[in-house]
Amino acid sequence: MSKIRVMLVDDHAMLRAGLQMAVNSQPDMEVVGQASNGRDVLEQAQSCRPDVVLMDISLPDVGGAEMTELIRQELPAVRILAFTRHGDPSYLRRMLQAGASGYILKNADASALLQAIRVVAAGGAYIDPVLAGSLVETVINRGGGAGSAQVALSELTSRERDVLRLIAWGRSNKEIATQFGISIKTVEYYKSQ
């Protein structure tokens, strides 16, 4: 089994060192590159070809959303996990619009961060549970985007709401199926609703 290739982007060397130790201690992942500023991010990503870029969204020379858009244009297979102190839902929405696959706060514990990396690397989306509620409310109250149908919470069944909540918390289809004792196909049906 190949390891998840992680690139660390943060302007604080001490934080990167701690993150590197945490990631490299996992049998299924490894740090393959690092950058401390926006100038170096794309060059490093092109060089080391990570699966996931764990990126601080407040670099001194470029915004995280702009850097995310650039990486996604140049390296579309690379997944971006925003790693930030910003708990304001507007930052979350901007990063998701830019193409980030996940968003986790820097005050999360190490196990949550490692889980987020795994979820994003597997093609899923991870939203810090602290912010998941506001994102779900936005989707439910305003619809999922241009041209999407408005979804009222009252129109969803109790199980559909439960599945939606777990998706927002970054749970995989398999984890949701196991939790509710249903098949993965049933979870996919609830998601489509």
C-alpha atoms as a PDB file:
ATOM      1  CA  MET A   1       0.000   0.000   0.000  1.00  0.00           C
ATOM      2  CA  SER A   2       1.445   3.367  -0.957  1.00  0.00           C
ATOM      3  CA  LYS A   3       1.601   6.118   1.617  1.00  0.00           C
ATOM      4  CA  ILE A   4      -0.383   9.348   1.472  1.00  0.00           C
ATOM      5  CA  ARG A   5       2.059  11.995   0.283  1.00  0.00           C
ATOM      6  CA  VAL A   6       1.602  15.199   2.306  1.00  0.00           C
ATOM      7  CA  MET A   7       3.063  18.645   1.689  1.00  0.00           C
ATOM      8  CA  LEU A   8       3.104  21.119   4.587  1.00  0.00           C
ATOM      9  CA  VAL A   9       2.610  24.842   3.957  1.00  0.00           C
ATOM     10  CA  ASP A  10       2.934  27.197   6.918  1.00  0.00           C
ATOM     11  CA  ASP A  11       5.139  30.186   7.657  1.00  0.00           C
ATOM     12  CA  HIS A  12       5.976  28.923  11.175  1.00  0.00           C
ATOM     13  CA  ALA A  13       8.936  26.520  11.123  1.00  0.00           C
ATOM     14  CA  MET A  14       8.196  25.130  14.595  1.00  0.00           C
ATOM     15  CA  LEU A  15       4.623  24.264  13.608  1.00  0.00           C
ATOM     16  CA  ARG A  16       5.809  22.566  10.412  1.00  0.00           C
ATOM     17  CA  ALA A  17       8.300  20.512  12.438  1.00  0.00           C
ATOM     18  CA  GLY A  18       5.560  19.341  14.796  1.00  0.00           C
ATOM     19  CA  LEU A  19       3.239  18.529  11.906  1.00  0.00           C
ATOM     20  CA  GLN A  20       6.003  16.608  10.168  1.00  0.00           C
ATOM     21  CA  MET A  21       6.562  14.488  13.271  1.00  0.00           C
ATOM     22  CA  ALA A  22       2.833  13.775  13.615  1.00  0.00           C
ATOM     23  CA  VAL A  23       2.378  12.871   9.938  1.00  0.00           C
ATOM     24  CA  ASN A  24       5.558  10.806   9.640  1.00  0.00           C
ATOM     25  CA  SER A  25       4.606   8.824  12.761  1.00  0.00           C
ATOM     26  CA  GLN A  26       1.673   7.362  10.817  1.00  0.00           C
ATOM     27  CA  PRO A  27       2.277   4.135   8.909  1.00  0.00           C
ATOM     28  CA  ASP A  28       0.096   5.279   5.999  1.00  0.00           C
ATOM     29  CA  MET A  29       1.442   8.787   5.355  1.00  0.00           C
ATOM     30  CA  GLU A  30       4.631  10.768   4.888  1.00  0.00           C
ATOM     31  CA  VAL A  31       5.692  14.389   4.463  1.00  0.00           C
ATOM     32  CA  VAL A  32       7.221  14.816   1.007  1.00  0.00           C
ATOM     33  CA  GLY A  33       7.632  18.594   0.883  1.00  0.00           C
ATOM     34  CA  GLN A  34       7.328  21.860   2.753  1.00  0.00           C
ATOM     35  CA  ALA A  35       6.952  25.538   1.966  1.00  0.00           C
ATOM     36  CA  SER A  36       6.909  28.615   4.180  1.00  0.00           C
ATOM     37  CA  ASN A  37       5.517  31.144   1.699  1.00  0.00           C
ATOM     38  CA  GLY A  38       3.332  31.371  -1.377  1.00  0.00           C
ATOM     39  CA  ARG A  39       6.279  31.873  -3.737  1.00  0.00           C
ATOM     40  CA  ASP A  40       7.546  28.360  -3.020  1.00  0.00           C
ATOM     41  CA  VAL A  41       4.276  26.448  -2.798  1.00  0.00           C
ATOM     42  CA  LEU A  42       3.639  25.741  -6.470  1.00  0.00           C
ATOM     43  CA  GLU A  43       7.277  24.940  -7.246  1.00  0.00           C
ATOM     44  CA  GLN A  44       7.466  22.527  -4.299  1.00  0.00           C
ATOM     45  CA  ALA A  45       4.124  20.928  -5.178  1.00  0.00           C
ATOM     46  CA  GLN A  46       5.218  20.396  -8.784  1.00  0.00           C
ATOM     47  CA  SER A  47       8.472  18.893  -7.560  1.00  0.00           C
ATOM     48  CA  CYS A  48       7.196  16.536  -4.849  1.00  0.00           C
ATOM     49  CA  ARG A  49       3.738  15.707  -6.302  1.00  0.00           C
ATOM     50  CA  PRO A  50       1.826  15.406  -3.010  1.00  0.00           C
ATOM     51  CA  ASP A  51      -1.574  13.802  -2.662  1.00  0.00           C
ATOM     52  CA  VAL A  52      -2.596  16.403  -0.067  1.00  0.00           C
ATOM     53  CA  VAL A  53      -1.346  19.924   0.601  1.00  0.00           C
ATOM     54  CA  LEU A  54      -1.971  20.905   4.225  1.00  0.00           C
ATOM     55  CA  MET A  55      -2.047  24.663   3.798  1.00  0.00           C
ATOM     56  CA  ASP A  56      -2.190  27.580   6.165  1.00  0.00           C
ATOM     57  CA  ILE A  57      -4.538  30.057   4.504  1.00  0.00           C
ATOM     58  CA  SER A  58      -2.788  33.111   5.974  1.00  0.00           C
ATOM     59  CA  LEU A  59       0.630  33.119   4.365  1.00  0.00           C
ATOM     60  CA  PRO A  60       2.504  36.427   4.490  1.00  0.00           C
ATOM     61  CA  ASP A  61       2.697  36.920   0.731  1.00  0.00           C
ATOM     62  CA  VAL A  62      -0.442  35.317  -0.752  1.00  0.00           C
ATOM     63  CA  GLY A  63      -3.945  34.336   0.334  1.00  0.00           C
ATOM     64  CA  GLY A  64      -4.880  30.717   0.770  1.00  0.00           C
ATOM     65  CA  ALA A  65      -7.812  30.926  -1.655  1.00  0.00           C
ATOM     66  CA  GLU A  66      -5.626  32.340  -4.426  1.00  0.00           C
ATOM     67  CA  MET A  67      -2.965  29.697  -3.800  1.00  0.00           C
ATOM     68  CA  THR A  68      -5.606  26.959  -3.767  1.00  0.00           C
ATOM     69  CA  GLU A  69      -6.978  28.101  -7.134  1.00  0.00           C
ATOM     70  CA  LEU A  70      -3.475  28.159  -8.597  1.00  0.00           C
ATOM     71  CA  ILE A  71      -2.589  24.675  -7.334  1.00  0.00           C
ATOM     72  CA  ARG A  72      -5.900  23.257  -8.560  1.00  0.00           C
ATOM     73  CA  GLN A  73      -5.297  24.771 -12.034  1.00  0.00           C
ATOM     74  CA  GLU A  74      -1.733  23.508 -12.312  1.00  0.00           C
ATOM     75  CA  LEU A  75      -2.081  20.210 -10.422  1.00  0.00           C
ATOM     76  CA  PRO A  76      -5.757  19.175 -10.476  1.00  0.00           C
ATOM     77  CA  ALA A  77      -5.127  15.811  -8.799  1.00  0.00           C
ATOM     78  CA  VAL A  78      -3.688  17.450  -5.678  1.00  0.00           C
ATOM     79  CA  ARG A  79      -6.166  17.848  -2.830  1.00  0.00           C
ATOM     80  CA  ILE A  80      -6.003  20.908  -0.570  1.00  0.00           C
ATOM     81  CA  LEU A  81      -6.736  20.754   3.161  1.00  0.00           C
ATOM     82  CA  ALA A  82      -6.947  24.250   4.631  1.00  0.00           C
ATOM     83  CA  PHE A  83      -5.312  24.432   8.059  1.00  0.00           C
ATOM     84  CA  THR A  84      -6.126  27.661   9.817  1.00  0.00           C
ATOM     85  CA  ARG A  85      -6.972  29.590  12.948  1.00  0.00           C
ATOM     86  CA  HIS A  86      -9.864  31.310  11.120  1.00  0.00           C
ATOM     87  CA  GLY A  87     -13.174  29.966  12.404  1.00  0.00           C
ATOM     88  CA  ASP A  88     -15.275  32.494  10.491  1.00  0.00           C
ATOM     89  CA  PRO A  89     -17.580  30.645   8.040  1.00  0.00           C
ATOM     90  CA  SER A  90     -16.775  33.199   5.317  1.00  0.00           C
ATOM     91  CA  TYR A  91     -13.173  31.893   5.170  1.00  0.00           C
ATOM     92  CA  LEU A  92     -14.501  28.341   4.922  1.00  0.00           C
ATOM     93  CA  ARG A  93     -16.847  29.226   2.060  1.00  0.00           C
ATOM     94  CA  ARG A  94     -14.098  31.080   0.188  1.00  0.00           C
ATOM     95  CA  MET A  95     -11.678  28.155   0.484  1.00  0.00           C
ATOM     96  CA  LEU A  96     -14.286  25.646  -0.680  1.00  0.00           C
ATOM     97  CA  GLN A  97     -15.175  27.882  -3.628  1.00  0.00           C
ATOM     98  CA  ALA A  98     -11.476  28.050  -4.509  1.00  0.00           C
ATOM     99  CA  GLY A  99     -11.289  24.250  -4.663  1.00  0.00           C
ATOM    100  CA  ALA A 100     -10.183  23.125  -1.201  1.00  0.00           C
ATOM    101  CA  SER A 101     -11.343  19.642  -0.236  1.00  0.00           C
ATOM    102  CA  GLY A 102     -11.232  20.255   3.478  1.00  0.00           C
ATOM    103  CA  TYR A 103     -10.968  22.824   6.223  1.00  0.00           C
ATOM    104  CA  ILE A 104      -9.657  22.177   9.723  1.00  0.00           C
ATOM    105  CA  LEU A 105      -8.895  24.572  12.532  1.00  0.00           C
ATOM    106  CA  LYS A 106      -5.420  24.692  14.047  1.00  0.00           C
ATOM    107  CA  ASN A 107      -6.822  24.048  17.514  1.00  0.00           C
ATOM    108  CA  ALA A 108      -8.082  20.588  16.437  1.00  0.00           C
ATOM    109  CA  ASP A 109      -6.427  17.639  18.091  1.00  0.00           C
ATOM    110  CA  ALA A 110      -3.840  15.591  16.197  1.00  0.00           C
ATOM    111  CA  SER A 111      -6.153  12.626  15.636  1.00  0.00           C
ATOM    112  CA  ALA A 112      -8.735  14.886  13.936  1.00  0.00           C
ATOM    113  CA  LEU A 113      -6.048  16.387  11.704  1.00  0.00           C
ATOM    114  CA  LEU A 114      -4.751  12.965  10.681  1.00  0.00           C
ATOM    115  CA  GLN A 115      -8.320  11.794  10.002  1.00  0.00           C
ATOM    116  CA  ALA A 116      -8.918  14.908   7.880  1.00  0.00           C
ATOM    117  CA  ILE A 117      -5.807  14.152   5.811  1.00  0.00           C
ATOM    118  CA  ARG A 118      -7.003  10.585   5.248  1.00  0.00           C
ATOM    119  CA  VAL A 119     -10.525  11.672   4.278  1.00  0.00           C
ATOM    120  CA  VAL A 120      -9.269  14.283   1.818  1.00  0.00           C
ATOM    121  CA  ALA A 121      -6.656  11.921   0.332  1.00  0.00           C
ATOM    122  CA  ALA A 122      -9.392   9.323  -0.250  1.00  0.00           C
ATOM    123  CA  GLY A 123     -11.372  11.820  -2.305  1.00  0.00           C
ATOM    124  CA  GLY A 124     -13.748  12.917   0.438  1.00  0.00           C
ATOM    125  CA  ALA A 125     -14.419  16.289   1.976  1.00  0.00           C
ATOM    126  CA  TYR A 126     -13.624  17.197   5.562  1.00  0.00           C
ATOM    127  CA  ILE A 127     -15.049  20.170   7.426  1.00  0.00           C
ATOM    128  CA  ASP A 128     -14.018  20.894  11.006  1.00  0.00           C
ATOM    129  CA  PRO A 129     -17.012  19.907  13.167  1.00  0.00           C
ATOM    130  CA  VAL A 130     -16.953  23.360  14.778  1.00  0.00           C
ATOM    131  CA  LEU A 131     -17.849  24.848  11.378  1.00  0.00           C
ATOM    132  CA  ALA A 132     -19.886  22.001   9.881  1.00  0.00           C
ATOM    133  CA  GLY A 133     -23.160  23.258  11.313  1.00  0.00           C
ATOM    134  CA  SER A 134     -22.862  26.666   9.666  1.00  0.00           C
ATOM    135  CA  LEU A 135     -22.049  25.067   6.306  1.00  0.00           C
ATOM    136  CA  VAL A 136     -25.017  22.698   6.527  1.00  0.00           C
ATOM    137  CA  GLU A 137     -27.299  25.622   7.398  1.00  0.00           C
ATOM    138  CA  THR A 138     -25.997  27.570   4.396  1.00  0.00           C
ATOM    139  CA  VAL A 139     -26.646  24.664   2.041  1.00  0.00           C
ATOM    140  CA  ILE A 140     -30.086  24.014   3.475  1.00  0.00           C
ATOM    141  CA  ASN A 141     -31.217  27.640   3.656  1.00  0.00           C
ATOM    142  CA  ARG A 142     -29.679  28.986   0.454  1.00  0.00           C
ATOM    143  CA  GLY A 143     -29.339  25.939  -1.764  1.00  0.00           C
ATOM    144  CA  GLY A 144     -26.146  24.354  -3.003  1.00  0.00           C
ATOM    145  CA  GLY A 145     -25.177  26.971  -5.566  1.00  0.00           C
ATOM    146  CA  ALA A 146     -26.274  28.661  -8.753  1.00  0.00           C
ATOM    147  CA  GLY A 147     -29.324  26.989 -10.230  1.00  0.00           C
ATOM    148  CA  SER A 148     -29.733  24.469  -7.441  1.00  0.00           C
ATOM    149  CA  ALA A 149     -33.082  23.824  -5.879  1.00  0.00           C
ATOM    150  CA  GLN A 150     -33.778  25.337  -2.489  1.00  0.00           C
ATOM    151  CA  VAL A 151     -33.786  22.624   0.137  1.00  0.00           C
ATOM    152  CA  ALA A 152     -35.851  23.103   3.243  1.00  0.00           C
ATOM    153  CA  LEU A 153     -34.744  21.159   6.282  1.00  0.00           C
ATOM    154  CA  SER A 154     -38.338  20.088   6.828  1.00  0.00           C
ATOM    155  CA  GLU A 155     -38.317  18.348   3.429  1.00  0.00           C
ATOM    156  CA  LEU A 156     -35.545  15.977   4.524  1.00  0.00           C
ATOM    157  CA  THR A 157     -36.301  12.858   6.507  1.00  0.00           C
ATOM    158  CA  SER A 158     -34.716  12.420   9.905  1.00  0.00           C
ATOM    159  CA  ARG A 159     -32.265   9.875   8.464  1.00  0.00           C
ATOM    160  CA  GLU A 160     -31.362  12.204   5.551  1.00  0.00           C
ATOM    161  CA  ARG A 161     -30.572  14.970   8.060  1.00  0.00           C
ATOM    162  CA  ASP A 162     -28.451  12.541  10.104  1.00  0.00           C
ATOM    163  CA  VAL A 163     -26.526  11.481   6.997  1.00  0.00           C
ATOM    164  CA  LEU A 164     -26.050  15.129   5.959  1.00  0.00           C
ATOM    165  CA  ARG A 165     -24.663  15.962   9.398  1.00  0.00           C
ATOM    166  CA  LEU A 166     -22.163  13.073   9.269  1.00  0.00           C
ATOM    167  CA  ILE A 167     -21.075  14.051   5.745  1.00  0.00           C
ATOM    168  CA  ALA A 168     -20.393  17.562   7.021  1.00  0.00           C
ATOM    169  CA  TRP A 169     -18.300  16.052   9.800  1.00  0.00           C
ATOM    170  CA  GLY A 170     -16.148  14.304   7.202  1.00  0.00           C
ATOM    171  CA  ARG A 171     -17.413  10.755   7.687  1.00  0.00           C
ATOM    172  CA  SER A 172     -17.034   8.338   4.788  1.00  0.00           C
ATOM    173  CA  ASN A 173     -19.942   6.416   3.265  1.00  0.00           C
ATOM    174  CA  LYS A 174     -18.627   3.254   4.917  1.00  0.00           C
ATOM    175  CA  GLU A 175     -18.459   4.904   8.359  1.00  0.00           C
ATOM    176  CA  ILE A 176     -22.000   6.253   7.977  1.00  0.00           C
ATOM    177  CA  ALA A 177     -23.292   2.871   6.820  1.00  0.00           C
ATOM    178  CA  THR A 178     -21.670   1.140   9.783  1.00  0.00           C
ATOM    179  CA  GLN A 179     -23.019   3.692  12.271  1.00  0.00           C
ATOM    180  CA  PHE A 180     -26.612   3.272  11.067  1.00  0.00           C
ATOM    181  CA  GLY A 181     -26.427  -0.430  10.166  1.00  0.00           C
ATOM    182  CA  ILE A 182     -27.342   0.208   6.513  1.00  0.00           C
ATOM    183  CA  SER A 183     -25.657  -0.520   3.189  1.00  0.00           C
ATOM    184  CA  ILE A 184     -23.291   1.892   1.447  1.00  0.00           C
ATOM    185  CA  LYS A 185     -25.774   2.058  -1.452  1.00  0.00           C
ATOM    186  CA  THR A 186     -28.443   3.248   0.983  1.00  0.00           C
ATOM    187  CA  VAL A 187     -26.075   5.955   2.248  1.00  0.00           C
ATOM    188  CA  GLU A 188     -25.477   7.024  -1.366  1.00  0.00           C
ATOM    189  CA  TYR A 189     -29.238   7.200  -1.892  1.00  0.00           C
ATOM    190  CA  TYR A 190     -29.652   9.430   1.176  1.00  0.00           C
ATOM    191  CA  LYS A 191     -26.828  11.639  -0.099  1.00  0.00           C
ATOM    192  CA  SER A 192     -28.498  12.015  -3.463  1.00  0.00           C
ATOM    193  CA  GLN A 193     -31.694  13.139  -1.743  1.00  0.00           C
END
